[in-house]
Amino acid sequence: MDILAQVNEIDTTVSGEISDGFLSASIKNVGEGKALVNGVVLFPGEAKGYPFVGKGYKKITYDPEASTLRIMQII
């Protein structure tokens, strides 16, 4: 059986997005300031999860502002 999913993990201090079609993701604010994820404030130490739901998600935008985000995604 072929393995099709790929895991990507990054720490970032720049704005970006997780592209359409991702299967699962988690985003944690590992910095000291607030960040924005999908338009919602993420305070230091907080995390958001997008669990596997049987089909791909639409894109998620993120802006670390003055913080650092740790992002793990499965595509």
C-alpha atoms as a PDB file:
ATOM      1  CA  MET A   1       0.000   0.000   0.000  1.00  0.00           C
ATOM      2  CA  ASP A   2       1.371   3.384  -0.991  1.00  0.00           C
ATOM      3  CA  ILE A   3       1.670   6.109   1.621  1.00  0.00           C
ATOM      4  CA  LEU A   4       0.198   9.314   0.234  1.00  0.00           C
ATOM      5  CA  ALA A   5       0.104  11.791   3.124  1.00  0.00           C
ATOM      6  CA  GLN A   6       3.101  13.989   3.863  1.00  0.00           C
ATOM      7  CA  VAL A   7       3.840  15.713   7.187  1.00  0.00           C
ATOM      8  CA  ASN A   8       5.333  19.214   7.155  1.00  0.00           C
ATOM      9  CA  GLU A   9       6.490  20.914  10.365  1.00  0.00           C
ATOM     10  CA  ILE A  10       7.801  24.480  10.618  1.00  0.00           C
ATOM     11  CA  ASP A  11       8.369  27.328  13.057  1.00  0.00           C
ATOM     12  CA  THR A  12       7.600  30.666  11.428  1.00  0.00           C
ATOM     13  CA  THR A  13       7.640  34.377  12.198  1.00  0.00           C
ATOM     14  CA  VAL A  14       6.139  35.449   8.847  1.00  0.00           C
ATOM     15  CA  SER A  15       2.544  35.492   7.601  1.00  0.00           C
ATOM     16  CA  GLY A  16       1.306  32.767   5.306  1.00  0.00           C
ATOM     17  CA  GLU A  17      -1.327  30.149   4.708  1.00  0.00           C
ATOM     18  CA  ILE A  18      -1.896  26.434   4.745  1.00  0.00           C
ATOM     19  CA  SER A  19      -3.134  25.755   1.218  1.00  0.00           C
ATOM     20  CA  ASP A  20      -6.469  24.279   0.175  1.00  0.00           C
ATOM     21  CA  GLY A  21      -6.733  20.520   0.518  1.00  0.00           C
ATOM     22  CA  PHE A  22      -4.707  19.862   3.678  1.00  0.00           C
ATOM     23  CA  LEU A  23      -5.924  16.834   5.631  1.00  0.00           C
ATOM     24  CA  SER A  24      -4.979  17.808   9.192  1.00  0.00           C
ATOM     25  CA  ALA A  25      -3.084  20.606  10.951  1.00  0.00           C
ATOM     26  CA  SER A  26      -2.171  22.054  14.313  1.00  0.00           C
ATOM     27  CA  ILE A  27      -0.873  25.536  15.016  1.00  0.00           C
ATOM     28  CA  LYS A  28       0.647  26.576  18.346  1.00  0.00           C
ATOM     29  CA  ASN A  29       1.810  29.999  19.431  1.00  0.00           C
ATOM     30  CA  VAL A  30       5.255  29.266  20.882  1.00  0.00           C
ATOM     31  CA  GLY A  31       6.289  32.919  21.076  1.00  0.00           C
ATOM     32  CA  GLU A  32       5.631  35.670  23.579  1.00  0.00           C
ATOM     33  CA  GLY A  33       3.101  37.824  21.696  1.00  0.00           C
ATOM     34  CA  LYS A  34      -0.356  37.260  20.279  1.00  0.00           C
ATOM     35  CA  ALA A  35      -0.863  35.892  16.765  1.00  0.00           C
ATOM     36  CA  LEU A  36      -3.786  35.556  14.349  1.00  0.00           C
ATOM     37  CA  VAL A  37      -4.928  32.228  12.926  1.00  0.00           C
ATOM     38  CA  ASN A  38      -7.854  32.231  10.510  1.00  0.00           C
ATOM     39  CA  GLY A  39      -8.765  35.693  11.837  1.00  0.00           C
ATOM     40  CA  VAL A  40      -8.856  34.573  15.498  1.00  0.00           C
ATOM     41  CA  VAL A  41      -6.362  35.723  18.170  1.00  0.00           C
ATOM     42  CA  LEU A  42      -4.060  32.976  19.446  1.00  0.00           C
ATOM     43  CA  PHE A  43      -2.379  33.938  22.722  1.00  0.00           C
ATOM     44  CA  PRO A  44       1.057  32.630  23.801  1.00  0.00           C
ATOM     45  CA  GLY A  45       0.871  28.933  24.662  1.00  0.00           C
ATOM     46  CA  GLU A  46      -2.484  28.402  22.932  1.00  0.00           C
ATOM     47  CA  ALA A  47      -3.001  25.997  20.043  1.00  0.00           C
ATOM     48  CA  LYS A  48      -5.640  25.314  17.406  1.00  0.00           C
ATOM     49  CA  GLY A  49      -6.256  21.950  15.802  1.00  0.00           C
ATOM     50  CA  TYR A  50      -7.835  20.983  12.527  1.00  0.00           C
ATOM     51  CA  PRO A  51      -8.318  17.208  12.807  1.00  0.00           C
ATOM     52  CA  PHE A  52      -8.821  14.804   9.910  1.00  0.00           C
ATOM     53  CA  VAL A  53     -12.502  14.896   8.908  1.00  0.00           C
ATOM     54  CA  GLY A  54     -12.472  12.636   5.856  1.00  0.00           C
ATOM     55  CA  LYS A  55     -11.773  15.297   3.226  1.00  0.00           C
ATOM     56  CA  GLY A  56      -9.475  18.282   2.726  1.00  0.00           C
ATOM     57  CA  TYR A  57      -9.914  21.681   4.373  1.00  0.00           C
ATOM     58  CA  LYS A  58     -10.061  25.068   2.669  1.00  0.00           C
ATOM     59  CA  LYS A  59      -6.998  27.267   3.237  1.00  0.00           C
ATOM     60  CA  ILE A  60      -6.157  28.640   6.691  1.00  0.00           C
ATOM     61  CA  THR A  61      -4.316  31.964   6.962  1.00  0.00           C
ATOM     62  CA  TYR A  62      -1.941  32.850   9.779  1.00  0.00           C
ATOM     63  CA  ASP A  63      -0.058  35.928  10.945  1.00  0.00           C
ATOM     64  CA  PRO A  64       2.421  35.489  13.801  1.00  0.00           C
ATOM     65  CA  GLU A  65       2.558  39.286  14.257  1.00  0.00           C
ATOM     66  CA  ALA A  66       5.361  39.689  16.878  1.00  0.00           C
ATOM     67  CA  SER A  67       5.363  36.005  17.856  1.00  0.00           C
ATOM     68  CA  THR A  68       6.361  32.567  16.530  1.00  0.00           C
ATOM     69  CA  LEU A  69       3.985  29.885  15.311  1.00  0.00           C
ATOM     70  CA  ARG A  70       4.763  26.169  15.251  1.00  0.00           C
ATOM     71  CA  ILE A  71       2.770  24.565  12.444  1.00  0.00           C
ATOM     72  CA  MET A  72       2.322  20.890  11.691  1.00  0.00           C
ATOM     73  CA  GLN A  73       0.273  19.973   8.650  1.00  0.00           C
ATOM     74  CA  ILE A  74      -0.566  16.794   6.819  1.00  0.00           C
ATOM     75  CA  ILE A  75      -1.132  17.154   3.101  1.00  0.00           C
END
